[in-house]
Amino acid sequence: VTDPLLDDTLVEIAGSVIEAFAIPGHTDGSAAYLYAGILFVGDAALGTTDRELVNTPWVFSTDQAENLSSLERLVEVLDVRDDEVTTIAPSHSAPLDDGLAPLRDMIARGGTL
């Protein structure tokens, strides 16, 4: 890697802008990406069958507390731009089309159900 993405980096690909956010916790190098209103959170949050988000389980996470804290900081950054985020897309479940609400709810619950 010769040019790593840093927190709050904008990348333009074929005229489309993708914004990267560092969210360490699941792994030290975890990142979320915002593109066209979709917030890709990877494995930092898992979707449930009830269409809610939960924190990554300890067995798959470097540091659960840091992961939750990183997601909380991400919500704070994006909160002032809430209308930009329409959908949250975790890696292993269906996307959630409720803006930042699922992340806010997860954080309020401490990452669990």
PDB file of N, CA and C in Angstrom:
ATOM      1  N   VAL A   1       0.853  -1.175   0.000  1.00  0.00           N
ATOM      2  CA  VAL A   1       0.000   0.000   0.000  1.00  0.00           C
ATOM      3  C   VAL A   1       0.894   1.232   0.000  1.00  0.00           C
ATOM      4  N   THR A   2       0.755   2.023  -1.017  1.00  0.00           N
ATOM      5  CA  THR A   2       1.589   3.216  -1.133  1.00  0.00           C
ATOM      6  C   THR A   2       0.866   4.490  -0.737  1.00  0.00           C
ATOM      7  N   ASP A   3      -0.438   4.467  -0.728  1.00  0.00           N
ATOM      8  CA  ASP A   3      -1.217   5.661  -0.408  1.00  0.00           C
ATOM      9  C   ASP A   3      -2.440   5.255   0.416  1.00  0.00           C
ATOM     10  N   PRO A   4      -2.242   4.947   1.721  1.00  0.00           N
ATOM     11  CA  PRO A   4      -3.373   4.478   2.533  1.00  0.00           C
ATOM     12  C   PRO A   4      -4.426   5.573   2.734  1.00  0.00           C
ATOM     13  N   LEU A   5      -5.670   5.141   2.854  1.00  0.00           N
ATOM     14  CA  LEU A   5      -6.750   6.082   3.155  1.00  0.00           C
ATOM     15  C   LEU A   5      -6.693   6.429   4.630  1.00  0.00           C
ATOM     16  N   LEU A   6      -6.761   7.688   4.911  1.00  0.00           N
ATOM     17  CA  LEU A   6      -6.779   8.159   6.291  1.00  0.00           C
ATOM     18  C   LEU A   6      -8.184   8.604   6.636  1.00  0.00           C
ATOM     19  N   ASP A   7      -8.409   8.868   7.914  1.00  0.00           N
ATOM     20  CA  ASP A   7      -9.719   9.316   8.361  1.00  0.00           C
ATOM     21  C   ASP A   7     -10.137  10.565   7.606  1.00  0.00           C
ATOM     22  N   ASP A   8     -11.379  10.600   7.209  1.00  0.00           N
ATOM     23  CA  ASP A   8     -11.978  11.749   6.543  1.00  0.00           C
ATOM     24  C   ASP A   8     -11.334  12.045   5.185  1.00  0.00           C
ATOM     25  N   THR A   9     -10.911  10.990   4.495  1.00  0.00           N
ATOM     26  CA  THR A   9     -10.324  11.119   3.169  1.00  0.00           C
ATOM     27  C   THR A   9     -11.415  11.046   2.116  1.00  0.00           C
ATOM     28  N   LEU A  10     -11.312  11.897   1.113  1.00  0.00           N
ATOM     29  CA  LEU A  10     -12.218  11.842  -0.030  1.00  0.00           C
ATOM     30  C   LEU A  10     -11.471  11.215  -1.196  1.00  0.00           C
ATOM     31  N   VAL A  11     -12.106  10.250  -1.837  1.00  0.00           N
ATOM     32  CA  VAL A  11     -11.521   9.578  -2.983  1.00  0.00           C
ATOM     33  C   VAL A  11     -12.482   9.732  -4.149  1.00  0.00           C
ATOM     34  N   GLU A  12     -11.958  10.134  -5.292  1.00  0.00           N
ATOM     35  CA  GLU A  12     -12.801  10.255  -6.475  1.00  0.00           C
ATOM     36  C   GLU A  12     -12.479   9.110  -7.424  1.00  0.00           C
ATOM     37  N   ILE A  13     -13.515   8.379  -7.798  1.00  0.00           N
ATOM     38  CA  ILE A  13     -13.374   7.272  -8.734  1.00  0.00           C
ATOM     39  C   ILE A  13     -14.406   7.472  -9.839  1.00  0.00           C
ATOM     40  N   ALA A  14     -13.926   7.673 -11.036  1.00  0.00           N
ATOM     41  CA  ALA A  14     -14.800   7.856 -12.201  1.00  0.00           C
ATOM     42  C   ALA A  14     -15.867   8.918 -11.952  1.00  0.00           C
ATOM     43  N   GLY A  15     -15.479  10.009 -11.306  1.00  0.00           N
ATOM     44  CA  GLY A  15     -16.396  11.109 -11.054  1.00  0.00           C
ATOM     45  C   GLY A  15     -17.269  10.965  -9.827  1.00  0.00           C
ATOM     46  N   SER A  16     -17.178   9.835  -9.137  1.00  0.00           N
ATOM     47  CA  SER A  16     -17.947   9.623  -7.908  1.00  0.00           C
ATOM     48  C   SER A  16     -17.046   9.828  -6.703  1.00  0.00           C
ATOM     49  N   VAL A  17     -17.557  10.490  -5.677  1.00  0.00           N
ATOM     50  CA  VAL A  17     -16.773  10.757  -4.477  1.00  0.00           C
ATOM     51  C   VAL A  17     -17.162   9.779  -3.374  1.00  0.00           C
ATOM     52  N   ILE A  18     -16.150   9.153  -2.782  1.00  0.00           N
ATOM     53  CA  ILE A  18     -16.317   8.227  -1.668  1.00  0.00           C
ATOM     54  C   ILE A  18     -15.545   8.802  -0.502  1.00  0.00           C
ATOM     55  N   GLU A  19     -16.181   8.871   0.667  1.00  0.00           N
ATOM     56  CA  GLU A  19     -15.529   9.403   1.865  1.00  0.00           C
ATOM     57  C   GLU A  19     -15.204   8.262   2.814  1.00  0.00           C
ATOM     58  N   ALA A  20     -13.970   8.234   3.300  1.00  0.00           N
ATOM     59  CA  ALA A  20     -13.517   7.184   4.217  1.00  0.00           C
ATOM     60  C   ALA A  20     -13.460   7.722   5.639  1.00  0.00           C
ATOM     61  N   PHE A  21     -13.822   6.864   6.604  1.00  0.00           N
ATOM     62  CA  PHE A  21     -13.785   7.205   8.022  1.00  0.00           C
ATOM     63  C   PHE A  21     -13.100   6.073   8.784  1.00  0.00           C
ATOM     64  N   ALA A  22     -12.089   6.392   9.568  1.00  0.00           N
ATOM     65  CA  ALA A  22     -11.439   5.381  10.404  1.00  0.00           C
ATOM     66  C   ALA A  22     -12.370   5.003  11.542  1.00  0.00           C
ATOM     67  N   ILE A  23     -12.583   3.699  11.716  1.00  0.00           N
ATOM     68  CA  ILE A  23     -13.413   3.204  12.823  1.00  0.00           C
ATOM     69  C   ILE A  23     -12.730   1.979  13.448  1.00  0.00           C
ATOM     70  N   PRO A  24     -11.587   2.182  14.086  1.00  0.00           N
ATOM     71  CA  PRO A  24     -10.883   1.041  14.686  1.00  0.00           C
ATOM     72  C   PRO A  24     -11.717   0.377  15.774  1.00  0.00           C
ATOM     73  N   GLY A  25     -11.473  -0.898  15.959  1.00  0.00           N
ATOM     74  CA  GLY A  25     -12.194  -1.656  16.978  1.00  0.00           C
ATOM     75  C   GLY A  25     -12.451  -3.069  16.519  1.00  0.00           C
ATOM     76  N   HIS A  26     -13.169  -3.214  15.408  1.00  0.00           N
ATOM     77  CA  HIS A  26     -13.323  -4.549  14.836  1.00  0.00           C
ATOM     78  C   HIS A  26     -11.926  -5.059  14.494  1.00  0.00           C
ATOM     79  N   THR A  27     -11.166  -4.228  13.775  1.00  0.00           N
ATOM     80  CA  THR A  27      -9.732  -4.398  13.581  1.00  0.00           C
ATOM     81  C   THR A  27      -9.121  -3.014  13.709  1.00  0.00           C
ATOM     82  N   ASP A  28      -7.814  -2.957  13.866  1.00  0.00           N
ATOM     83  CA  ASP A  28      -7.162  -1.655  14.000  1.00  0.00           C
ATOM     84  C   ASP A  28      -7.347  -0.787  12.759  1.00  0.00           C
ATOM     85  N   GLY A  29      -7.448  -1.405  11.597  1.00  0.00           N
ATOM     86  CA  GLY A  29      -7.563  -0.650  10.355  1.00  0.00           C
ATOM     87  C   GLY A  29      -8.961  -0.575   9.784  1.00  0.00           C
ATOM     88  N   SER A  30      -9.976  -0.865  10.582  1.00  0.00           N
ATOM     89  CA  SER A  30     -11.349  -0.816  10.074  1.00  0.00           C
ATOM     90  C   SER A  30     -11.723   0.585   9.605  1.00  0.00           C
ATOM     91  N   ALA A  31     -12.549   0.623   8.571  1.00  0.00           N
ATOM     92  CA  ALA A  31     -13.009   1.895   8.032  1.00  0.00           C
ATOM     93  C   ALA A  31     -14.454   1.756   7.584  1.00  0.00           C
ATOM     94  N   ALA A  32     -15.140   2.875   7.570  1.00  0.00           N
ATOM     95  CA  ALA A  32     -16.478   2.962   6.999  1.00  0.00           C
ATOM     96  C   ALA A  32     -16.365   3.874   5.785  1.00  0.00           C
ATOM     97  N   TYR A  33     -17.263   3.679   4.841  1.00  0.00           N
ATOM     98  CA  TYR A  33     -17.229   4.469   3.608  1.00  0.00           C
ATOM     99  C   TYR A  33     -18.618   5.005   3.320  1.00  0.00           C
ATOM    100  N   LEU A  34     -18.676   6.277   2.950  1.00  0.00           N
ATOM    101  CA  LEU A  34     -19.944   6.916   2.603  1.00  0.00           C
ATOM    102  C   LEU A  34     -19.936   7.209   1.108  1.00  0.00           C
ATOM    103  N   TYR A  35     -20.930   6.656   0.427  1.00  0.00           N
ATOM    104  CA  TYR A  35     -21.065   6.868  -1.008  1.00  0.00           C
ATOM    105  C   TYR A  35     -22.546   6.951  -1.364  1.00  0.00           C
ATOM    106  N   ALA A  36     -22.933   8.035  -1.990  1.00  0.00           N
ATOM    107  CA  ALA A  36     -24.299   8.213  -2.499  1.00  0.00           C
ATOM    108  C   ALA A  36     -25.359   7.940  -1.429  1.00  0.00           C
ATOM    109  N   GLY A  37     -25.093   8.391  -0.205  1.00  0.00           N
ATOM    110  CA  GLY A  37     -26.060   8.230   0.881  1.00  0.00           C
ATOM    111  C   GLY A  37     -25.997   6.895   1.586  1.00  0.00           C
ATOM    112  N   ILE A  38     -25.127   5.996   1.118  1.00  0.00           N
ATOM    113  CA  ILE A  38     -25.003   4.670   1.730  1.00  0.00           C
ATOM    114  C   ILE A  38     -23.743   4.642   2.583  1.00  0.00           C
ATOM    115  N   LEU A  39     -23.905   4.282   3.850  1.00  0.00           N
ATOM    116  CA  LEU A  39     -22.778   4.168   4.773  1.00  0.00           C
ATOM    117  C   LEU A  39     -22.420   2.690   4.892  1.00  0.00           C
ATOM    118  N   PHE A  40     -21.289   2.327   4.307  1.00  0.00           N
ATOM    119  CA  PHE A  40     -20.797   0.958   4.357  1.00  0.00           C
ATOM    120  C   PHE A  40     -19.974   0.804   5.625  1.00  0.00           C
ATOM    121  N   VAL A  41     -20.444  -0.017   6.577  1.00  0.00           N
ATOM    122  CA  VAL A  41     -19.753  -0.160   7.862  1.00  0.00           C
ATOM    123  C   VAL A  41     -18.981  -1.474   7.972  1.00  0.00           C
ATOM    124  N   GLY A  42     -19.000  -2.276   6.928  1.00  0.00           N
ATOM    125  CA  GLY A  42     -18.260  -3.535   6.952  1.00  0.00           C
ATOM    126  C   GLY A  42     -18.702  -4.423   8.094  1.00  0.00           C
ATOM    127  N   ASP A  43     -17.722  -4.968   8.813  1.00  0.00           N
ATOM    128  CA  ASP A  43     -18.007  -5.863   9.939  1.00  0.00           C
ATOM    129  C   ASP A  43     -18.036  -5.140  11.280  1.00  0.00           C
ATOM    130  N   ALA A  44     -18.025  -3.812  11.274  1.00  0.00           N
ATOM    131  CA  ALA A  44     -18.041  -3.054  12.522  1.00  0.00           C
ATOM    132  C   ALA A  44     -19.399  -3.116  13.217  1.00  0.00           C
ATOM    133  N   ALA A  45     -20.432  -3.439  12.475  1.00  0.00           N
ATOM    134  CA  ALA A  45     -21.777  -3.617  13.039  1.00  0.00           C
ATOM    135  C   ALA A  45     -22.455  -4.736  12.262  1.00  0.00           C
ATOM    136  N   LEU A  46     -23.185  -5.551  12.975  1.00  0.00           N
ATOM    137  CA  LEU A  46     -23.872  -6.676  12.341  1.00  0.00           C
ATOM    138  C   LEU A  46     -25.378  -6.447  12.370  1.00  0.00           C
ATOM    139  N   GLY A  47     -26.035  -6.760  11.278  1.00  0.00           N
ATOM    140  CA  GLY A  47     -27.483  -6.653  11.226  1.00  0.00           C
ATOM    141  C   GLY A  47     -28.135  -7.914  11.762  1.00  0.00           C
ATOM    142  N   THR A  48     -29.245  -7.744  12.447  1.00  0.00           N
ATOM    143  CA  THR A  48     -29.987  -8.885  12.998  1.00  0.00           C
ATOM    144  C   THR A  48     -31.195  -9.187  12.104  1.00  0.00           C
ATOM    145  N   THR A  49     -31.841 -10.315  12.374  1.00  0.00           N
ATOM    146  CA  THR A  49     -33.053 -10.660  11.632  1.00  0.00           C
ATOM    147  C   THR A  49     -34.197  -9.698  11.950  1.00  0.00           C
ATOM    148  N   ASP A  50     -34.093  -8.961  13.067  1.00  0.00           N
ATOM    149  CA  ASP A  50     -35.094  -7.957  13.427  1.00  0.00           C
ATOM    150  C   ASP A  50     -34.768  -6.588  12.832  1.00  0.00           C
ATOM    151  N   ARG A  51     -33.789  -6.564  11.917  1.00  0.00           N
ATOM    152  CA  ARG A  51     -33.368  -5.326  11.240  1.00  0.00           C
ATOM    153  C   ARG A  51     -32.838  -4.279  12.212  1.00  0.00           C
ATOM    154  N   GLU A  52     -32.061  -4.754  13.170  1.00  0.00           N
ATOM    155  CA  GLU A  52     -31.354  -3.870  14.085  1.00  0.00           C
ATOM    156  C   GLU A  52     -29.867  -4.146  13.932  1.00  0.00           C
ATOM    157  N   LEU A  53     -29.048  -3.268  14.496  1.00  0.00           N
ATOM    158  CA  LEU A  53     -27.602  -3.469  14.477  1.00  0.00           C
ATOM    159  C   LEU A  53     -27.108  -3.840  15.857  1.00  0.00           C
ATOM    160  N   VAL A  54     -26.065  -4.666  15.890  1.00  0.00           N
ATOM    161  CA  VAL A  54     -25.378  -5.004  17.141  1.00  0.00           C
ATOM    162  C   VAL A  54     -23.878  -4.871  16.907  1.00  0.00           C
ATOM    163  N   ASN A  55     -23.156  -4.697  18.012  1.00  0.00           N
ATOM    164  CA  ASN A  55     -21.709  -4.601  17.965  1.00  0.00           C
ATOM    165  C   ASN A  55     -21.123  -5.940  17.520  1.00  0.00           C
ATOM    166  N   THR A  56     -19.981  -5.907  16.883  1.00  0.00           N
ATOM    167  CA  THR A  56     -19.293  -7.123  16.483  1.00  0.00           C
ATOM    168  C   THR A  56     -18.961  -7.960  17.716  1.00  0.00           C
ATOM    169  N   PRO A  57     -19.254  -9.264  17.712  1.00  0.00           N
ATOM    170  CA  PRO A  57     -18.951 -10.112  18.874  1.00  0.00           C
ATOM    171  C   PRO A  57     -17.462 -10.108  19.205  1.00  0.00           C
ATOM    172  N   TRP A  58     -17.145 -10.306  20.469  1.00  0.00           N
ATOM    173  CA  TRP A  58     -15.757 -10.235  20.931  1.00  0.00           C
ATOM    174  C   TRP A  58     -14.849 -11.196  20.175  1.00  0.00           C
ATOM    175  N   VAL A  59     -15.358 -12.346  19.799  1.00  0.00           N
ATOM    176  CA  VAL A  59     -14.521 -13.335  19.125  1.00  0.00           C
ATOM    177  C   VAL A  59     -14.059 -12.856  17.743  1.00  0.00           C
ATOM    178  N   PHE A  60     -14.776 -11.904  17.154  1.00  0.00           N
ATOM    179  CA  PHE A  60     -14.418 -11.368  15.844  1.00  0.00           C
ATOM    180  C   PHE A  60     -13.939  -9.923  15.916  1.00  0.00           C
ATOM    181  N   SER A  61     -13.600  -9.446  17.087  1.00  0.00           N
ATOM    182  CA  SER A  61     -13.277  -8.039  17.269  1.00  0.00           C
ATOM    183  C   SER A  61     -11.983  -7.867  18.053  1.00  0.00           C
ATOM    184  N   THR A  62     -11.165  -6.942  17.627  1.00  0.00           N
ATOM    185  CA  THR A  62      -9.956  -6.614  18.363  1.00  0.00           C
ATOM    186  C   THR A  62     -10.308  -5.982  19.703  1.00  0.00           C
ATOM    187  N   ASP A  63     -11.291  -5.061  19.710  1.00  0.00           N
ATOM    188  CA  ASP A  63     -11.670  -4.342  20.921  1.00  0.00           C
ATOM    189  C   ASP A  63     -13.110  -3.850  20.770  1.00  0.00           C
ATOM    190  N   GLN A  64     -14.053  -4.547  21.397  1.00  0.00           N
ATOM    191  CA  GLN A  64     -15.469  -4.193  21.271  1.00  0.00           C
ATOM    192  C   GLN A  64     -15.770  -2.782  21.759  1.00  0.00           C
ATOM    193  N   ALA A  65     -15.163  -2.390  22.883  1.00  0.00           N
ATOM    194  CA  ALA A  65     -15.422  -1.052  23.427  1.00  0.00           C
ATOM    195  C   ALA A  65     -14.926   0.019  22.461  1.00  0.00           C
ATOM    196  N   GLU A  66     -13.751  -0.194  21.883  1.00  0.00           N
ATOM    197  CA  GLU A  66     -13.219   0.770  20.912  1.00  0.00           C
ATOM    198  C   GLU A  66     -14.092   0.802  19.667  1.00  0.00           C
ATOM    199  N   ASN A  67     -14.577  -0.360  19.242  1.00  0.00           N
ATOM    200  CA  ASN A  67     -15.456  -0.425  18.078  1.00  0.00           C
ATOM    201  C   ASN A  67     -16.711   0.418  18.310  1.00  0.00           C
ATOM    202  N   LEU A  68     -17.351   0.225  19.456  1.00  0.00           N
ATOM    203  CA  LEU A  68     -18.562   0.982  19.767  1.00  0.00           C
ATOM    204  C   LEU A  68     -18.260   2.478  19.861  1.00  0.00           C
ATOM    205  N   SER A  69     -17.136   2.805  20.477  1.00  0.00           N
ATOM    206  CA  SER A  69     -16.725   4.206  20.596  1.00  0.00           C
ATOM    207  C   SER A  69     -16.456   4.821  19.216  1.00  0.00           C
ATOM    208  N   SER A  70     -15.824   4.057  18.340  1.00  0.00           N
ATOM    209  CA  SER A  70     -15.562   4.547  16.977  1.00  0.00           C
ATOM    210  C   SER A  70     -16.859   4.816  16.237  1.00  0.00           C
ATOM    211  N   LEU A  71     -17.832   3.922  16.383  1.00  0.00           N
ATOM    212  CA  LEU A  71     -19.120   4.123  15.722  1.00  0.00           C
ATOM    213  C   LEU A  71     -19.864   5.316  16.314  1.00  0.00           C
ATOM    214  N   GLU A  72     -19.714   5.516  17.612  1.00  0.00           N
ATOM    215  CA  GLU A  72     -20.331   6.684  18.249  1.00  0.00           C
ATOM    216  C   GLU A  72     -19.729   7.970  17.691  1.00  0.00           C
ATOM    217  N   ARG A  73     -18.403   8.018  17.553  1.00  0.00           N
ATOM    218  CA  ARG A  73     -17.749   9.196  16.963  1.00  0.00           C
ATOM    219  C   ARG A  73     -18.203   9.401  15.518  1.00  0.00           C
ATOM    220  N   LEU A  74     -18.349   8.303  14.780  1.00  0.00           N
ATOM    221  CA  LEU A  74     -18.801   8.401  13.395  1.00  0.00           C
ATOM    222  C   LEU A  74     -20.190   9.017  13.323  1.00  0.00           C
ATOM    223  N   VAL A  75     -21.084   8.585  14.187  1.00  0.00           N
ATOM    224  CA  VAL A  75     -22.432   9.157  14.208  1.00  0.00           C
ATOM    225  C   VAL A  75     -22.380  10.643  14.545  1.00  0.00           C
ATOM    226  N   GLU A  76     -21.528  11.023  15.499  1.00  0.00           N
ATOM    227  CA  GLU A  76     -21.399  12.442  15.846  1.00  0.00           C
ATOM    228  C   GLU A  76     -20.942  13.266  14.644  1.00  0.00           C
ATOM    229  N   VAL A  77     -19.987  12.743  13.882  1.00  0.00           N
ATOM    230  CA  VAL A  77     -19.495  13.447  12.692  1.00  0.00           C
ATOM    231  C   VAL A  77     -20.592  13.554  11.637  1.00  0.00           C
ATOM    232  N   LEU A  78     -21.302  12.456  11.432  1.00  0.00           N
ATOM    233  CA  LEU A  78     -22.318  12.433  10.377  1.00  0.00           C
ATOM    234  C   LEU A  78     -23.642  13.044  10.804  1.00  0.00           C
ATOM    235  N   ASP A  79     -23.860  13.192  12.101  1.00  0.00           N
ATOM    236  CA  ASP A  79     -25.131  13.727  12.598  1.00  0.00           C
ATOM    237  C   ASP A  79     -25.450  15.095  12.020  1.00  0.00           C
ATOM    238  N   VAL A  80     -24.458  15.918  11.852  1.00  0.00           N
ATOM    239  CA  VAL A  80     -24.716  17.252  11.307  1.00  0.00           C
ATOM    240  C   VAL A  80     -25.045  17.178   9.825  1.00  0.00           C
ATOM    241  N   ARG A  81     -24.820  16.018   9.219  1.00  0.00           N
ATOM    242  CA  ARG A  81     -25.112  15.811   7.800  1.00  0.00           C
ATOM    243  C   ARG A  81     -26.092  14.662   7.652  1.00  0.00           C
ATOM    244  N   ASP A  82     -26.994  14.489   8.593  1.00  0.00           N
ATOM    245  CA  ASP A  82     -27.879  13.321   8.659  1.00  0.00           C
ATOM    246  C   ASP A  82     -28.618  13.056   7.353  1.00  0.00           C
ATOM    247  N   ASP A  83     -28.964  14.102   6.648  1.00  0.00           N
ATOM    248  CA  ASP A  83     -29.712  13.887   5.411  1.00  0.00           C
ATOM    249  C   ASP A  83     -28.866  13.204   4.341  1.00  0.00           C
ATOM    250  N   GLU A  84     -27.536  13.204   4.499  1.00  0.00           N
ATOM    251  CA  GLU A  84     -26.673  12.521   3.536  1.00  0.00           C
ATOM    252  C   GLU A  84     -26.740  11.010   3.676  1.00  0.00           C
ATOM    253  N   VAL A  85     -26.939  10.507   4.894  1.00  0.00           N
ATOM    254  CA  VAL A  85     -26.959   9.061   5.116  1.00  0.00           C
ATOM    255  C   VAL A  85     -28.407   8.577   5.069  1.00  0.00           C
ATOM    256  N   THR A  86     -28.711   7.800   4.050  1.00  0.00           N
ATOM    257  CA  THR A  86     -30.053   7.237   3.920  1.00  0.00           C
ATOM    258  C   THR A  86     -30.075   5.762   4.283  1.00  0.00           C
ATOM    259  N   THR A  87     -28.936   5.093   4.100  1.00  0.00           N
ATOM    260  CA  THR A  87     -28.868   3.643   4.240  1.00  0.00           C
ATOM    261  C   THR A  87     -27.576   3.243   4.947  1.00  0.00           C
ATOM    262  N   ILE A  88     -27.662   2.254   5.834  1.00  0.00           N
ATOM    263  CA  ILE A  88     -26.478   1.656   6.443  1.00  0.00           C
ATOM    264  C   ILE A  88     -26.346   0.248   5.883  1.00  0.00           C
ATOM    265  N   ALA A  89     -25.157  -0.070   5.390  1.00  0.00           N
ATOM    266  CA  ALA A  89     -24.917  -1.370   4.767  1.00  0.00           C
ATOM    267  C   ALA A  89     -23.834  -2.137   5.525  1.00  0.00           C
ATOM    268  N   PRO A  90     -24.238  -3.057   6.410  1.00  0.00           N
ATOM    269  CA  PRO A  90     -23.254  -3.943   7.034  1.00  0.00           C
ATOM    270  C   PRO A  90     -22.846  -5.040   6.040  1.00  0.00           C
ATOM    271  N   SER A  91     -21.736  -5.706   6.328  1.00  0.00           N
ATOM    272  CA  SER A  91     -21.224  -6.716   5.392  1.00  0.00           C
ATOM    273  C   SER A  91     -22.110  -7.940   5.240  1.00  0.00           C
ATOM    274  N   HIS A  92     -22.679  -8.434   6.326  1.00  0.00           N
ATOM    275  CA  HIS A  92     -23.301  -9.755   6.295  1.00  0.00           C
ATOM    276  C   HIS A  92     -24.808  -9.747   6.506  1.00  0.00           C
ATOM    277  N   SER A  93     -25.461  -8.640   6.177  1.00  0.00           N
ATOM    278  CA  SER A  93     -26.916  -8.596   6.308  1.00  0.00           C
ATOM    279  C   SER A  93     -27.478  -7.572   5.334  1.00  0.00           C
ATOM    280  N   ALA A  94     -28.774  -7.516   5.276  1.00  0.00           N
ATOM    281  CA  ALA A  94     -29.440  -6.588   4.367  1.00  0.00           C
ATOM    282  C   ALA A  94     -29.201  -5.143   4.809  1.00  0.00           C
ATOM    283  N   PRO A  95     -29.188  -4.224   3.874  1.00  0.00           N
ATOM    284  CA  PRO A  95     -29.046  -2.817   4.232  1.00  0.00           C
ATOM    285  C   PRO A  95     -30.261  -2.315   5.013  1.00  0.00           C
ATOM    286  N   LEU A  96     -30.030  -1.319   5.844  1.00  0.00           N
ATOM    287  CA  LEU A  96     -31.093  -0.711   6.649  1.00  0.00           C
ATOM    288  C   LEU A  96     -31.335   0.701   6.130  1.00  0.00           C
ATOM    289  N   ASP A  97     -32.561   0.979   5.719  1.00  0.00           N
ATOM    290  CA  ASP A  97     -32.896   2.247   5.078  1.00  0.00           C
ATOM    291  C   ASP A  97     -33.518   3.255   6.034  1.00  0.00           C
ATOM    292  N   ASP A  98     -32.939   3.418   7.210  1.00  0.00           N
ATOM    293  CA  ASP A  98     -33.475   4.340   8.209  1.00  0.00           C
ATOM    294  C   ASP A  98     -32.467   5.414   8.591  1.00  0.00           C
ATOM    295  N   GLY A  99     -31.614   5.824   7.663  1.00  0.00           N
ATOM    296  CA  GLY A  99     -30.598   6.822   7.976  1.00  0.00           C
ATOM    297  C   GLY A  99     -29.665   6.319   9.067  1.00  0.00           C
ATOM    298  N   LEU A 100     -29.296   7.202   9.978  1.00  0.00           N
ATOM    299  CA  LEU A 100     -28.392   6.849  11.071  1.00  0.00           C
ATOM    300  C   LEU A 100     -29.113   6.241  12.276  1.00  0.00           C
ATOM    301  N   ALA A 101     -30.435   6.166  12.223  1.00  0.00           N
ATOM    302  CA  ALA A 101     -31.208   5.666  13.373  1.00  0.00           C
ATOM    303  C   ALA A 101     -30.743   4.299  13.876  1.00  0.00           C
ATOM    304  N   PRO A 102     -30.480   3.311  13.008  1.00  0.00           N
ATOM    305  CA  PRO A 102     -30.035   2.021  13.539  1.00  0.00           C
ATOM    306  C   PRO A 102     -28.712   2.098  14.312  1.00  0.00           C
ATOM    307  N   LEU A 103     -27.784   2.931  13.867  1.00  0.00           N
ATOM    308  CA  LEU A 103     -26.529   3.103  14.610  1.00  0.00           C
ATOM    309  C   LEU A 103     -26.770   3.829  15.922  1.00  0.00           C
ATOM    310  N   ARG A 104     -27.597   4.864  15.892  1.00  0.00           N
ATOM    311  CA  ARG A 104     -27.926   5.586  17.133  1.00  0.00           C
ATOM    312  C   ARG A 104     -28.557   4.631  18.149  1.00  0.00           C
ATOM    313  N   ASP A 105     -29.494   3.799  17.694  1.00  0.00           N
ATOM    314  CA  ASP A 105     -30.165   2.853  18.583  1.00  0.00           C
ATOM    315  C   ASP A 105     -29.178   1.841  19.156  1.00  0.00           C
ATOM    316  N   MET A 106     -28.275   1.336  18.321  1.00  0.00           N
ATOM    317  CA  MET A 106     -27.277   0.367  18.774  1.00  0.00           C
ATOM    318  C   MET A 106     -26.379   0.981  19.857  1.00  0.00           C
ATOM    319  N   ILE A 107     -25.935   2.194  19.630  1.00  0.00           N
ATOM    320  CA  ILE A 107     -25.069   2.883  20.584  1.00  0.00           C
ATOM    321  C   ILE A 107     -25.817   3.105  21.900  1.00  0.00           C
ATOM    322  N   ALA A 108     -27.072   3.513  21.812  1.00  0.00           N
ATOM    323  CA  ALA A 108     -27.878   3.742  23.022  1.00  0.00           C
ATOM    324  C   ALA A 108     -28.045   2.461  23.833  1.00  0.00           C
ATOM    325  N   ARG A 109     -28.089   1.306  23.155  1.00  0.00           N
ATOM    326  CA  ARG A 109     -28.215   0.018  23.827  1.00  0.00           C
ATOM    327  C   ARG A 109     -26.861  -0.549  24.265  1.00  0.00           C
ATOM    328  N   GLY A 110     -25.788   0.177  24.038  1.00  0.00           N
ATOM    329  CA  GLY A 110     -24.465  -0.324  24.387  1.00  0.00           C
ATOM    330  C   GLY A 110     -23.983  -1.412  23.466  1.00  0.00           C
ATOM    331  N   GLY A 111     -24.544  -1.481  22.270  1.00  0.00           N
ATOM    332  CA  GLY A 111     -24.112  -2.440  21.271  1.00  0.00           C
ATOM    333  C   GLY A 111     -24.814  -3.773  21.296  1.00  0.00           C
ATOM    334  N   THR A 112     -25.629  -4.005  22.304  1.00  0.00           N
ATOM    335  CA  THR A 112     -26.314  -5.305  22.423  1.00  0.00           C
ATOM    336  C   THR A 112     -27.810  -5.128  22.196  1.00  0.00           C
ATOM    337  N   LEU A 113     -28.523  -6.239  22.209  1.00  0.00           N
ATOM    338  CA  LEU A 113     -29.996  -6.178  22.110  1.00  0.00           C
ATOM    339  C   LEU A 113     -30.602  -6.382  23.471  1.00  0.00           C
TER     340      LEU A 113
END
